[in-house]
Amino acid sequence: MPKVIDKSFLTKKSQITLPKKVRDLLKLKPGDQVNFEVEGNVVRIIPMPSRIEDNFGKVTPRKKPENFAEIRKDMEEKIGVEVAGEF
């Protein structure tokens, strides 16, 4: 038999607050996403991991470290040439 951890109430806007014990058990924090799986009258809450966290560190810069001052200077020079009409 499933374990009942805590209860919550439905608001007038049909919203619920996940009890702290449930949030802690699922390691959920504000801004996290969850999916709901419905099977008959049973609903499962499944935490959805952040895709940002999954992909952290997978993109490498062209140069290490990127020289943003140099990139900005190059961009501004090219815009200046274009604006001046010196294609």
N, C-alpha and C. Protein backbone atom coordinates (compact mmCIF):
# COMPACT_ATOMS: atom_id res chain seq x y z
N MET A 1 0.84 -1.18 0.00
CA MET A 1 0.00 0.00 0.00
C MET A 1 0.89 1.24 0.00
N PRO A 2 0.55 2.25 -0.84
CA PRO A 2 1.35 3.48 -0.90
C PRO A 2 1.38 4.21 0.43
N LYS A 3 2.49 4.87 0.67
CA LYS A 3 2.67 5.63 1.90
C LYS A 3 2.13 7.04 1.70
N VAL A 4 1.27 7.50 2.61
CA VAL A 4 0.77 8.87 2.59
C VAL A 4 1.72 9.71 3.41
N ILE A 5 2.35 10.69 2.77
CA ILE A 5 3.35 11.52 3.45
C ILE A 5 2.72 12.73 4.10
N ASP A 6 1.87 13.41 3.38
CA ASP A 6 1.26 14.65 3.86
C ASP A 6 0.07 14.95 2.97
N LYS A 7 -0.67 15.99 3.30
CA LYS A 7 -1.80 16.36 2.45
C LYS A 7 -1.74 17.84 2.13
N SER A 8 -2.47 18.22 1.09
CA SER A 8 -2.55 19.60 0.66
C SER A 8 -3.97 19.86 0.22
N PHE A 9 -4.33 21.12 0.05
CA PHE A 9 -5.69 21.48 -0.33
C PHE A 9 -5.69 22.19 -1.68
N LEU A 10 -6.75 22.02 -2.42
CA LEU A 10 -6.93 22.68 -3.70
C LEU A 10 -7.48 24.09 -3.44
N THR A 11 -6.84 25.09 -4.08
CA THR A 11 -7.30 26.47 -3.91
C THR A 11 -8.46 26.76 -4.87
N LYS A 12 -9.02 27.96 -4.78
CA LYS A 12 -10.09 28.36 -5.69
C LYS A 12 -9.61 28.37 -7.14
N LYS A 13 -8.31 28.56 -7.35
CA LYS A 13 -7.73 28.56 -8.69
C LYS A 13 -7.25 27.16 -9.11
N SER A 14 -7.67 26.14 -8.38
CA SER A 14 -7.30 24.74 -8.64
C SER A 14 -5.81 24.51 -8.52
N GLN A 15 -5.15 25.21 -7.62
CA GLN A 15 -3.72 25.03 -7.40
C GLN A 15 -3.49 24.32 -6.07
N ILE A 16 -2.36 23.61 -6.01
CA ILE A 16 -1.98 22.99 -4.74
C ILE A 16 -0.53 23.37 -4.43
N THR A 17 -0.17 23.27 -3.19
CA THR A 17 1.21 23.43 -2.77
C THR A 17 1.72 22.05 -2.42
N LEU A 18 2.86 21.69 -3.01
CA LEU A 18 3.45 20.40 -2.64
C LEU A 18 4.01 20.53 -1.23
N PRO A 19 3.63 19.62 -0.36
CA PRO A 19 4.16 19.68 1.01
C PRO A 19 5.69 19.60 1.02
N LYS A 20 6.30 20.23 2.00
CA LYS A 20 7.75 20.26 2.10
C LYS A 20 8.35 18.87 2.10
N LYS A 21 7.73 17.93 2.79
CA LYS A 21 8.25 16.56 2.82
C LYS A 21 8.33 15.98 1.41
N VAL A 22 7.33 16.26 0.58
CA VAL A 22 7.31 15.76 -0.80
C VAL A 22 8.38 16.47 -1.62
N ARG A 23 8.47 17.80 -1.49
CA ARG A 23 9.50 18.55 -2.22
C ARG A 23 10.90 18.06 -1.86
N ASP A 24 11.12 17.83 -0.58
CA ASP A 24 12.43 17.33 -0.13
C ASP A 24 12.70 15.94 -0.67
N LEU A 25 11.70 15.08 -0.63
CA LEU A 25 11.84 13.71 -1.11
C LEU A 25 12.19 13.69 -2.61
N LEU A 26 11.54 14.58 -3.38
CA LEU A 26 11.78 14.65 -4.82
C LEU A 26 12.92 15.59 -5.19
N LYS A 27 13.53 16.23 -4.17
CA LYS A 27 14.64 17.19 -4.37
C LYS A 27 14.22 18.32 -5.30
N LEU A 28 13.01 18.86 -5.08
CA LEU A 28 12.48 19.95 -5.89
C LEU A 28 12.77 21.29 -5.23
N LYS A 29 13.04 22.28 -6.07
CA LYS A 29 13.25 23.64 -5.57
C LYS A 29 12.44 24.59 -6.45
N PRO A 30 12.22 25.83 -6.01
CA PRO A 30 11.43 26.77 -6.80
C PRO A 30 11.95 26.88 -8.24
N GLY A 31 11.02 26.85 -9.19
CA GLY A 31 11.37 26.94 -10.60
C GLY A 31 11.55 25.60 -11.28
N ASP A 32 11.67 24.51 -10.51
CA ASP A 32 11.79 23.18 -11.11
C ASP A 32 10.48 22.79 -11.79
N GLN A 33 10.59 21.96 -12.80
CA GLN A 33 9.40 21.49 -13.50
C GLN A 33 9.12 20.04 -13.13
N VAL A 34 7.84 19.68 -13.17
CA VAL A 34 7.42 18.31 -12.91
C VAL A 34 6.45 17.87 -13.99
N ASN A 35 6.39 16.58 -14.22
CA ASN A 35 5.38 15.99 -15.10
C ASN A 35 4.41 15.22 -14.22
N PHE A 36 3.18 15.10 -14.72
CA PHE A 36 2.17 14.33 -14.01
C PHE A 36 1.80 13.14 -14.87
N GLU A 37 1.90 11.95 -14.31
CA GLU A 37 1.46 10.73 -14.98
C GLU A 37 0.18 10.28 -14.30
N VAL A 38 -0.86 10.08 -15.11
CA VAL A 38 -2.16 9.67 -14.56
C VAL A 38 -2.44 8.25 -15.01
N GLU A 39 -2.76 7.40 -14.05
CA GLU A 39 -3.12 6.01 -14.32
C GLU A 39 -4.34 5.69 -13.44
N GLY A 40 -5.51 5.67 -14.09
CA GLY A 40 -6.74 5.51 -13.32
C GLY A 40 -6.94 6.73 -12.45
N ASN A 41 -7.08 6.51 -11.15
CA ASN A 41 -7.23 7.65 -10.24
C ASN A 41 -5.95 7.92 -9.43
N VAL A 42 -4.83 7.40 -9.95
CA VAL A 42 -3.54 7.60 -9.30
C VAL A 42 -2.71 8.57 -10.15
N VAL A 43 -2.14 9.58 -9.51
CA VAL A 43 -1.31 10.57 -10.20
C VAL A 43 0.10 10.49 -9.62
N ARG A 44 1.08 10.38 -10.51
CA ARG A 44 2.48 10.37 -10.10
C ARG A 44 3.10 11.72 -10.49
N ILE A 45 3.90 12.26 -9.60
CA ILE A 45 4.62 13.50 -9.86
C ILE A 45 6.06 13.11 -10.15
N ILE A 46 6.52 13.46 -11.36
CA ILE A 46 7.87 13.09 -11.78
C ILE A 46 8.69 14.36 -12.00
N PRO A 47 9.78 14.53 -11.25
CA PRO A 47 10.64 15.71 -11.45
C PRO A 47 11.26 15.67 -12.85
N MET A 48 11.29 16.83 -13.50
CA MET A 48 11.91 16.95 -14.82
C MET A 48 13.22 17.70 -14.66
N PRO A 49 14.34 17.06 -14.96
CA PRO A 49 15.62 17.74 -14.80
C PRO A 49 15.75 18.90 -15.77
N SER A 50 16.50 19.89 -15.37
CA SER A 50 16.74 21.06 -16.21
C SER A 50 17.63 20.67 -17.38
N ARG A 51 17.26 21.05 -18.58
CA ARG A 51 18.09 20.78 -19.75
C ARG A 51 19.36 21.62 -19.71
N ILE A 52 19.27 22.78 -19.08
CA ILE A 52 20.45 23.63 -18.96
C ILE A 52 21.52 22.91 -18.14
N GLU A 53 21.10 22.34 -17.01
CA GLU A 53 22.05 21.62 -16.17
C GLU A 53 22.60 20.39 -16.89
N ASP A 54 21.75 19.70 -17.68
CA ASP A 54 22.20 18.52 -18.42
C ASP A 54 23.29 18.87 -19.42
N ASN A 55 23.20 20.08 -20.00
CA ASN A 55 24.13 20.47 -21.06
C ASN A 55 25.24 21.39 -20.58
N PHE A 56 25.31 21.63 -19.28
CA PHE A 56 26.32 22.54 -18.75
C PHE A 56 27.72 22.01 -19.09
N GLY A 57 28.54 22.87 -19.69
CA GLY A 57 29.91 22.51 -20.01
C GLY A 57 30.09 21.80 -21.34
N LYS A 58 29.01 21.55 -22.08
CA LYS A 58 29.13 20.83 -23.35
C LYS A 58 29.49 21.75 -24.51
N VAL A 59 29.30 23.06 -24.34
CA VAL A 59 29.65 24.01 -25.39
C VAL A 59 30.99 24.62 -25.02
N THR A 60 31.94 24.53 -25.95
CA THR A 60 33.25 25.09 -25.67
C THR A 60 33.46 26.35 -26.51
N PRO A 61 34.08 27.36 -25.93
CA PRO A 61 34.34 28.59 -26.68
C PRO A 61 35.38 28.35 -27.77
N ARG A 62 35.38 29.23 -28.79
CA ARG A 62 36.35 29.12 -29.88
C ARG A 62 37.77 29.30 -29.35
N LYS A 63 37.95 30.26 -28.47
CA LYS A 63 39.23 30.50 -27.82
C LYS A 63 39.02 30.40 -26.33
N LYS A 64 40.03 30.03 -25.62
CA LYS A 64 39.91 29.97 -24.16
C LYS A 64 40.84 30.99 -23.57
N PRO A 65 40.43 31.91 -22.77
CA PRO A 65 39.04 32.34 -22.63
C PRO A 65 38.66 33.28 -23.77
N GLU A 66 37.37 33.39 -24.02
CA GLU A 66 36.87 34.31 -25.05
C GLU A 66 37.29 35.72 -24.68
N ASN A 67 37.74 36.49 -25.65
CA ASN A 67 38.13 37.88 -25.42
C ASN A 67 36.97 38.76 -25.91
N PHE A 68 36.03 39.04 -25.01
CA PHE A 68 34.83 39.78 -25.39
C PHE A 68 35.14 41.22 -25.77
N ALA A 69 36.18 41.81 -25.20
CA ALA A 69 36.56 43.17 -25.57
C ALA A 69 37.00 43.19 -27.03
N GLU A 70 37.78 42.20 -27.44
CA GLU A 70 38.24 42.10 -28.83
C GLU A 70 37.07 41.85 -29.78
N ILE A 71 36.16 40.99 -29.39
CA ILE A 71 34.98 40.69 -30.22
C ILE A 71 34.14 41.96 -30.39
N ARG A 72 33.93 42.70 -29.30
CA ARG A 72 33.13 43.93 -29.37
C ARG A 72 33.81 44.98 -30.26
N LYS A 73 35.14 45.14 -30.12
CA LYS A 73 35.87 46.11 -30.93
C LYS A 73 35.74 45.76 -32.41
N ASP A 74 35.91 44.50 -32.76
CA ASP A 74 35.79 44.04 -34.14
C ASP A 74 34.39 44.31 -34.69
N MET A 75 33.37 44.01 -33.88
CA MET A 75 31.99 44.23 -34.29
C MET A 75 31.71 45.72 -34.52
N GLU A 76 32.18 46.56 -33.59
CA GLU A 76 31.96 48.01 -33.72
C GLU A 76 32.66 48.57 -34.95
N GLU A 77 33.86 48.08 -35.24
CA GLU A 77 34.57 48.54 -36.44
C GLU A 77 33.80 48.17 -37.71
N LYS A 78 33.29 46.96 -37.78
CA LYS A 78 32.54 46.51 -38.95
C LYS A 78 31.24 47.29 -39.10
N ILE A 79 30.58 47.58 -38.00
CA ILE A 79 29.35 48.38 -38.05
C ILE A 79 29.68 49.80 -38.51
N GLY A 80 30.78 50.35 -38.01
CA GLY A 80 31.19 51.69 -38.41
C GLY A 80 31.47 51.79 -39.89
N VAL A 81 32.15 50.80 -40.44
CA VAL A 81 32.44 50.76 -41.87
C VAL A 81 31.14 50.69 -42.67
N GLU A 82 30.24 49.86 -42.22
CA GLU A 82 28.95 49.69 -42.93
C GLU A 82 28.13 50.98 -42.88
N VAL A 83 28.08 51.62 -41.72
CA VAL A 83 27.31 52.86 -41.56
C VAL A 83 27.92 53.98 -42.43
N ALA A 84 29.24 54.02 -42.49
CA ALA A 84 29.93 55.05 -43.28
C ALA A 84 29.80 54.79 -44.78
N GLY A 85 29.33 53.61 -45.15
CA GLY A 85 29.14 53.28 -46.55
C GLY A 85 30.41 52.87 -47.25
N GLU A 86 31.39 52.41 -46.48
CA GLU A 86 32.67 52.00 -47.06
C GLU A 86 32.70 50.48 -47.21
N PHE A 87 31.75 49.93 -47.88
CA PHE A 87 31.67 48.48 -48.02
C PHE A 87 32.97 47.99 -48.57
